[in-house]
Amino acid sequence: MTRFRLLLVGAIAALVLAGAQVALATTVQKLSLQELTKKSDSIVMARVDDAVSSWDAGHKEIYTFYTLSVLQPVKGSKGATTLTLRQLGGTVDNIASVVPGMPSFKKGEEVVLFLTQKDPAGYPWVVGLQQGKYTVTTGKNGVKMVRNELAGTELLTKSGQHVDSTTAPDMPLSAFLDGIKTSLDVDGKVKVDPNPPTE
């Protein structure tokens, strides 16, 4: 094979890989925490208890059904102890359907979710795809933290400009929930004196 042909094959391979990387992302509008809070019909802290994937009735799409225990309702969902999410994608009989940007869940993990109203089939969806799912972790000091990972998600501003979808720094869970409650102006938020004493 001549050097030219090697370069040509290399260039084609690079283009294929670049195309694959673009195909592995979903573009959505970037939402701030306040926008997520406002757009959500409900916000909950929950634990993932189960995940089951299956084909739809027409055998065209694979859906995964996640069953979660509600640990703390933050907005809406008062009195709810469990909720079920239905998401596009999953694996059935060694056939995998992957939807880039769709939140992923693992059994046993704790999450804070920003959810839409129920769809016609009776299931809520996560607002803003991966933007509306925060994973709860426990730090070395035992303090619970939240993390929002945006892998597979390309973000756009309202004017259509691309925004870096880097993972935000971890934040203490208590401060995160207080921030949401402050946006909602509900009881339980940290009270801040607007006129602190001066020395």
C-alpha atoms as a PDB file:
ATOM      1  CA  MET A   1       0.000   0.000   0.000  1.00  0.00           C
ATOM      2  CA  THR A   2       1.418   3.389  -0.992  1.00  0.00           C
ATOM      3  CA  ARG A   3       1.934   6.204   1.492  1.00  0.00           C
ATOM      4  CA  PHE A   4      -0.899   8.165  -0.163  1.00  0.00           C
ATOM      5  CA  ARG A   5      -3.304   5.264   0.295  1.00  0.00           C
ATOM      6  CA  LEU A   6      -2.273   4.893   3.940  1.00  0.00           C
ATOM      7  CA  LEU A   7      -2.962   8.591   4.514  1.00  0.00           C
ATOM      8  CA  LEU A   8      -6.315   8.298   2.748  1.00  0.00           C
ATOM      9  CA  VAL A   9      -7.359   5.293   4.843  1.00  0.00           C
ATOM     10  CA  GLY A  10      -6.247   7.134   7.987  1.00  0.00           C
ATOM     11  CA  ALA A  11      -8.240  10.239   7.027  1.00  0.00           C
ATOM     12  CA  ILE A  12     -11.375   8.187   6.344  1.00  0.00           C
ATOM     13  CA  ALA A  13     -11.006   6.368   9.669  1.00  0.00           C
ATOM     14  CA  ALA A  14     -10.643   9.711  11.462  1.00  0.00           C
ATOM     15  CA  LEU A  15     -13.825  11.024   9.807  1.00  0.00           C
ATOM     16  CA  VAL A  16     -15.738   7.870  10.770  1.00  0.00           C
ATOM     17  CA  LEU A  17     -14.589   8.207  14.375  1.00  0.00           C
ATOM     18  CA  ALA A  18     -15.486  11.902  14.435  1.00  0.00           C
ATOM     19  CA  GLY A  19     -18.929  11.059  13.063  1.00  0.00           C
ATOM     20  CA  ALA A  20     -19.356   8.390  15.717  1.00  0.00           C
ATOM     21  CA  GLN A  21     -18.513  10.865  18.455  1.00  0.00           C
ATOM     22  CA  VAL A  22     -21.068  13.356  17.134  1.00  0.00           C
ATOM     23  CA  ALA A  23     -23.669  10.589  16.929  1.00  0.00           C
ATOM     24  CA  LEU A  24     -23.072   9.745  20.579  1.00  0.00           C
ATOM     25  CA  ALA A  25     -24.434  13.058  21.832  1.00  0.00           C
ATOM     26  CA  THR A  26     -27.886  14.583  22.199  1.00  0.00           C
ATOM     27  CA  THR A  27     -28.316  18.339  21.967  1.00  0.00           C
ATOM     28  CA  VAL A  28     -30.618  20.082  24.461  1.00  0.00           C
ATOM     29  CA  GLN A  29     -31.067  23.592  25.806  1.00  0.00           C
ATOM     30  CA  LYS A  30     -28.918  24.336  28.849  1.00  0.00           C
ATOM     31  CA  LEU A  31     -30.992  24.833  31.999  1.00  0.00           C
ATOM     32  CA  SER A  32     -29.829  26.544  35.174  1.00  0.00           C
ATOM     33  CA  LEU A  33     -30.761  25.058  38.541  1.00  0.00           C
ATOM     34  CA  GLN A  34     -33.452  27.729  38.918  1.00  0.00           C
ATOM     35  CA  GLU A  35     -34.853  26.886  35.464  1.00  0.00           C
ATOM     36  CA  LEU A  36     -34.863  23.162  36.288  1.00  0.00           C
ATOM     37  CA  THR A  37     -36.671  23.945  39.536  1.00  0.00           C
ATOM     38  CA  LYS A  38     -39.263  26.138  37.820  1.00  0.00           C
ATOM     39  CA  LYS A  39     -39.911  23.770  34.872  1.00  0.00           C
ATOM     40  CA  SER A  40     -40.257  20.661  37.049  1.00  0.00           C
ATOM     41  CA  ASP A  41     -43.673  19.398  38.050  1.00  0.00           C
ATOM     42  CA  SER A  42     -41.999  17.553  40.925  1.00  0.00           C
ATOM     43  CA  ILE A  43     -38.559  17.204  42.507  1.00  0.00           C
ATOM     44  CA  VAL A  44     -37.651  14.219  44.666  1.00  0.00           C
ATOM     45  CA  MET A  45     -34.729  12.610  46.411  1.00  0.00           C
ATOM     46  CA  ALA A  46     -35.088   8.894  45.778  1.00  0.00           C
ATOM     47  CA  ARG A  47     -33.327   5.515  45.758  1.00  0.00           C
ATOM     48  CA  VAL A  48     -33.287   3.267  42.683  1.00  0.00           C
ATOM     49  CA  ASP A  49     -34.731  -0.112  43.668  1.00  0.00           C
ATOM     50  CA  ASP A  50     -35.250  -1.924  40.373  1.00  0.00           C
ATOM     51  CA  ALA A  51     -34.748  -1.686  36.604  1.00  0.00           C
ATOM     52  CA  VAL A  52     -36.515  -3.784  33.949  1.00  0.00           C
ATOM     53  CA  SER A  53     -36.144  -3.396  30.164  1.00  0.00           C
ATOM     54  CA  SER A  54     -38.661  -4.604  27.578  1.00  0.00           C
ATOM     55  CA  TRP A  55     -39.881  -4.020  24.034  1.00  0.00           C
ATOM     56  CA  ASP A  56     -42.929  -1.883  23.440  1.00  0.00           C
ATOM     57  CA  ALA A  57     -46.127  -3.466  22.085  1.00  0.00           C
ATOM     58  CA  GLY A  58     -45.074  -2.897  18.481  1.00  0.00           C
ATOM     59  CA  HIS A  59     -41.594  -4.360  19.088  1.00  0.00           C
ATOM     60  CA  LYS A  60     -40.042  -1.126  17.757  1.00  0.00           C
ATOM     61  CA  GLU A  61     -38.560   0.516  20.848  1.00  0.00           C
ATOM     62  CA  ILE A  62     -36.888  -0.760  24.008  1.00  0.00           C
ATOM     63  CA  TYR A  63     -37.931   0.961  27.222  1.00  0.00           C
ATOM     64  CA  THR A  64     -36.449   0.612  30.692  1.00  0.00           C
ATOM     65  CA  PHE A  65     -38.720   0.935  33.702  1.00  0.00           C
ATOM     66  CA  TYR A  66     -37.063   2.171  36.906  1.00  0.00           C
ATOM     67  CA  THR A  67     -38.764   1.740  40.264  1.00  0.00           C
ATOM     68  CA  LEU A  68     -37.624   4.222  42.912  1.00  0.00           C
ATOM     69  CA  SER A  69     -38.403   4.739  46.585  1.00  0.00           C
ATOM     70  CA  VAL A  70     -39.072   8.386  47.416  1.00  0.00           C
ATOM     71  CA  LEU A  71     -36.802   9.376  50.312  1.00  0.00           C
ATOM     72  CA  GLN A  72     -37.740  13.054  50.390  1.00  0.00           C
ATOM     73  CA  PRO A  73     -40.258  15.018  48.315  1.00  0.00           C
ATOM     74  CA  VAL A  74     -38.901  18.500  47.566  1.00  0.00           C
ATOM     75  CA  LYS A  75     -41.547  19.818  45.165  1.00  0.00           C
ATOM     76  CA  GLY A  76     -44.871  18.126  44.482  1.00  0.00           C
ATOM     77  CA  SER A  77     -45.154  14.339  45.010  1.00  0.00           C
ATOM     78  CA  LYS A  78     -46.435  14.890  48.559  1.00  0.00           C
ATOM     79  CA  GLY A  79     -47.323  11.546  50.110  1.00  0.00           C
ATOM     80  CA  ALA A  80     -45.767   9.510  47.292  1.00  0.00           C
ATOM     81  CA  THR A  81     -43.586   6.654  48.540  1.00  0.00           C
ATOM     82  CA  THR A  82     -42.595   5.188  45.168  1.00  0.00           C
ATOM     83  CA  LEU A  83     -42.403   6.314  41.554  1.00  0.00           C
ATOM     84  CA  THR A  84     -41.753   4.603  38.247  1.00  0.00           C
ATOM     85  CA  LEU A  85     -39.828   6.145  35.367  1.00  0.00           C
ATOM     86  CA  ARG A  86     -40.032   4.885  31.787  1.00  0.00           C
ATOM     87  CA  GLN A  87     -37.062   5.781  29.589  1.00  0.00           C
ATOM     88  CA  LEU A  88     -36.099   5.021  26.015  1.00  0.00           C
ATOM     89  CA  GLY A  89     -33.234   2.573  25.801  1.00  0.00           C
ATOM     90  CA  GLY A  90     -32.096  -0.582  27.529  1.00  0.00           C
ATOM     91  CA  THR A  91     -30.998  -4.139  26.790  1.00  0.00           C
ATOM     92  CA  VAL A  92     -33.288  -7.049  25.925  1.00  0.00           C
ATOM     93  CA  ASP A  93     -31.975 -10.455  24.779  1.00  0.00           C
ATOM     94  CA  ASN A  94     -28.501  -9.079  23.996  1.00  0.00           C
ATOM     95  CA  ILE A  95     -29.990  -6.256  21.898  1.00  0.00           C
ATOM     96  CA  ALA A  96     -28.986  -2.866  23.304  1.00  0.00           C
ATOM     97  CA  SER A  97     -30.671   0.443  22.570  1.00  0.00           C
ATOM     98  CA  VAL A  98     -28.645   3.477  23.687  1.00  0.00           C
ATOM     99  CA  VAL A  99     -29.997   7.028  23.761  1.00  0.00           C
ATOM    100  CA  PRO A 100     -27.130   9.504  24.351  1.00  0.00           C
ATOM    101  CA  GLY A 101     -27.837  12.083  27.029  1.00  0.00           C
ATOM    102  CA  MET A 102     -30.582   9.996  28.641  1.00  0.00           C
ATOM    103  CA  PRO A 103     -29.974   9.672  32.407  1.00  0.00           C
ATOM    104  CA  SER A 104     -28.574   6.312  33.493  1.00  0.00           C
ATOM    105  CA  PHE A 105     -29.446   4.691  36.807  1.00  0.00           C
ATOM    106  CA  LYS A 106     -27.909   1.946  38.932  1.00  0.00           C
ATOM    107  CA  LYS A 107     -29.744  -0.141  41.497  1.00  0.00           C
ATOM    108  CA  GLY A 108     -29.147   1.155  44.996  1.00  0.00           C
ATOM    109  CA  GLU A 109     -27.989   4.631  44.006  1.00  0.00           C
ATOM    110  CA  GLU A 110     -29.593   7.703  45.555  1.00  0.00           C
ATOM    111  CA  VAL A 111     -30.552  10.547  43.256  1.00  0.00           C
ATOM    112  CA  VAL A 112     -32.239  13.928  43.180  1.00  0.00           C
ATOM    113  CA  LEU A 113     -34.570  14.101  40.176  1.00  0.00           C
ATOM    114  CA  PHE A 114     -36.315  16.994  38.447  1.00  0.00           C
ATOM    115  CA  LEU A 115     -39.419  15.498  36.811  1.00  0.00           C
ATOM    116  CA  THR A 116     -42.073  16.484  34.262  1.00  0.00           C
ATOM    117  CA  GLN A 117     -45.781  15.832  34.570  1.00  0.00           C
ATOM    118  CA  LYS A 118     -46.810  12.294  33.734  1.00  0.00           C
ATOM    119  CA  ASP A 119     -47.001  11.542  30.017  1.00  0.00           C
ATOM    120  CA  PRO A 120     -50.129   9.985  28.411  1.00  0.00           C
ATOM    121  CA  ALA A 121     -48.831   6.542  29.424  1.00  0.00           C
ATOM    122  CA  GLY A 122     -48.652   7.652  33.073  1.00  0.00           C
ATOM    123  CA  TYR A 123     -44.894   8.131  33.535  1.00  0.00           C
ATOM    124  CA  PRO A 124     -42.893  11.269  34.379  1.00  0.00           C
ATOM    125  CA  TRP A 125     -39.670  12.065  32.502  1.00  0.00           C
ATOM    126  CA  VAL A 126     -36.466  13.651  33.754  1.00  0.00           C
ATOM    127  CA  VAL A 127     -36.366  17.358  32.794  1.00  0.00           C
ATOM    128  CA  GLY A 128     -33.525  18.335  30.437  1.00  0.00           C
ATOM    129  CA  LEU A 129     -32.339  14.736  30.071  1.00  0.00           C
ATOM    130  CA  GLN A 130     -29.131  14.219  32.100  1.00  0.00           C
ATOM    131  CA  GLN A 131     -29.336  17.799  33.448  1.00  0.00           C
ATOM    132  CA  GLY A 132     -32.274  16.806  35.642  1.00  0.00           C
ATOM    133  CA  LYS A 133     -30.535  13.918  37.413  1.00  0.00           C
ATOM    134  CA  TYR A 134     -28.125  14.504  40.308  1.00  0.00           C
ATOM    135  CA  THR A 135     -26.350  11.519  41.839  1.00  0.00           C
ATOM    136  CA  VAL A 136     -25.949  11.491  45.620  1.00  0.00           C
ATOM    137  CA  THR A 137     -22.555  10.299  46.876  1.00  0.00           C
ATOM    138  CA  THR A 138     -20.955  10.148  50.307  1.00  0.00           C
ATOM    139  CA  GLY A 139     -17.600  11.865  50.784  1.00  0.00           C
ATOM    140  CA  LYS A 140     -14.693  10.614  52.893  1.00  0.00           C
ATOM    141  CA  ASN A 141     -15.901  12.783  55.768  1.00  0.00           C
ATOM    142  CA  GLY A 142     -19.343  11.168  55.633  1.00  0.00           C
ATOM    143  CA  VAL A 143     -21.028  14.256  54.143  1.00  0.00           C
ATOM    144  CA  LYS A 144     -23.527  13.530  51.362  1.00  0.00           C
ATOM    145  CA  MET A 145     -22.774  15.336  48.098  1.00  0.00           C
ATOM    146  CA  VAL A 146     -24.548  15.703  44.741  1.00  0.00           C
ATOM    147  CA  ARG A 147     -23.011  15.461  41.279  1.00  0.00           C
ATOM    148  CA  ASN A 148     -24.511  16.189  37.851  1.00  0.00           C
ATOM    149  CA  GLU A 149     -22.733  14.292  35.071  1.00  0.00           C
ATOM    150  CA  LEU A 150     -23.437  15.412  31.503  1.00  0.00           C
ATOM    151  CA  ALA A 151     -21.705  12.730  29.416  1.00  0.00           C
ATOM    152  CA  GLY A 152     -23.357  12.344  26.013  1.00  0.00           C
ATOM    153  CA  THR A 153     -25.172  15.674  26.274  1.00  0.00           C
ATOM    154  CA  GLU A 154     -24.428  18.723  24.146  1.00  0.00           C
ATOM    155  CA  LEU A 155     -25.837  21.933  25.604  1.00  0.00           C
ATOM    156  CA  LEU A 156     -27.078  24.984  23.741  1.00  0.00           C
ATOM    157  CA  THR A 157     -27.946  28.459  25.015  1.00  0.00           C
ATOM    158  CA  LYS A 158     -31.341  29.952  24.136  1.00  0.00           C
ATOM    159  CA  SER A 159     -29.629  31.747  21.243  1.00  0.00           C
ATOM    160  CA  GLY A 160     -28.287  28.431  19.893  1.00  0.00           C
ATOM    161  CA  GLN A 161     -24.644  28.723  20.962  1.00  0.00           C
ATOM    162  CA  HIS A 162     -22.823  25.619  22.173  1.00  0.00           C
ATOM    163  CA  VAL A 163     -21.902  25.457  25.875  1.00  0.00           C
ATOM    164  CA  ASP A 164     -19.268  23.222  27.453  1.00  0.00           C
ATOM    165  CA  SER A 165     -21.045  20.287  29.113  1.00  0.00           C
ATOM    166  CA  THR A 166     -18.430  19.649  31.778  1.00  0.00           C
ATOM    167  CA  THR A 167     -19.354  17.980  35.046  1.00  0.00           C
ATOM    168  CA  ALA A 168     -20.008  20.581  37.729  1.00  0.00           C
ATOM    169  CA  PRO A 169     -18.091  20.353  41.021  1.00  0.00           C
ATOM    170  CA  ASP A 170     -19.704  18.253  43.731  1.00  0.00           C
ATOM    171  CA  MET A 171     -21.957  20.185  46.102  1.00  0.00           C
ATOM    172  CA  PRO A 172     -23.128  19.286  49.627  1.00  0.00           C
ATOM    173  CA  LEU A 173     -26.597  17.710  49.401  1.00  0.00           C
ATOM    174  CA  SER A 174     -28.004  19.885  52.199  1.00  0.00           C
ATOM    175  CA  ALA A 175     -26.875  23.124  50.504  1.00  0.00           C
ATOM    176  CA  PHE A 176     -28.195  21.861  47.155  1.00  0.00           C
ATOM    177  CA  LEU A 177     -31.648  21.119  48.593  1.00  0.00           C
ATOM    178  CA  ASP A 178     -31.680  24.429  50.478  1.00  0.00           C
ATOM    179  CA  GLY A 179     -30.948  26.228  47.208  1.00  0.00           C
ATOM    180  CA  ILE A 180     -33.928  24.520  45.568  1.00  0.00           C
ATOM    181  CA  LYS A 181     -36.192  25.344  48.520  1.00  0.00           C
ATOM    182  CA  THR A 182     -35.042  28.955  48.413  1.00  0.00           C
ATOM    183  CA  SER A 183     -35.999  29.105  44.726  1.00  0.00           C
ATOM    184  CA  LEU A 184     -39.375  27.611  45.615  1.00  0.00           C
ATOM    185  CA  ASP A 185     -39.708  29.838  48.719  1.00  0.00           C
ATOM    186  CA  VAL A 186     -40.847  26.927  50.884  1.00  0.00           C
ATOM    187  CA  ASP A 187     -40.375  26.118  54.558  1.00  0.00           C
ATOM    188  CA  GLY A 188     -37.207  24.291  55.491  1.00  0.00           C
ATOM    189  CA  LYS A 189     -34.827  26.518  53.606  1.00  0.00           C
ATOM    190  CA  VAL A 190     -31.928  28.206  55.356  1.00  0.00           C
ATOM    191  CA  LYS A 191     -33.057  31.583  56.653  1.00  0.00           C
ATOM    192  CA  VAL A 192     -30.721  34.417  55.705  1.00  0.00           C
ATOM    193  CA  ASP A 193     -30.993  37.712  57.552  1.00  0.00           C
ATOM    194  CA  PRO A 194     -31.188  40.445  54.864  1.00  0.00           C
ATOM    195  CA  ASN A 195     -29.816  42.949  57.399  1.00  0.00           C
ATOM    196  CA  PRO A 196     -26.849  41.228  59.099  1.00  0.00           C
ATOM    197  CA  PRO A 197     -25.460  43.055  62.131  1.00  0.00           C
ATOM    198  CA  THR A 198     -22.546  45.363  61.461  1.00  0.00           C
ATOM    199  CA  GLU A 199     -19.597  45.780  63.748  1.00  0.00           C
END
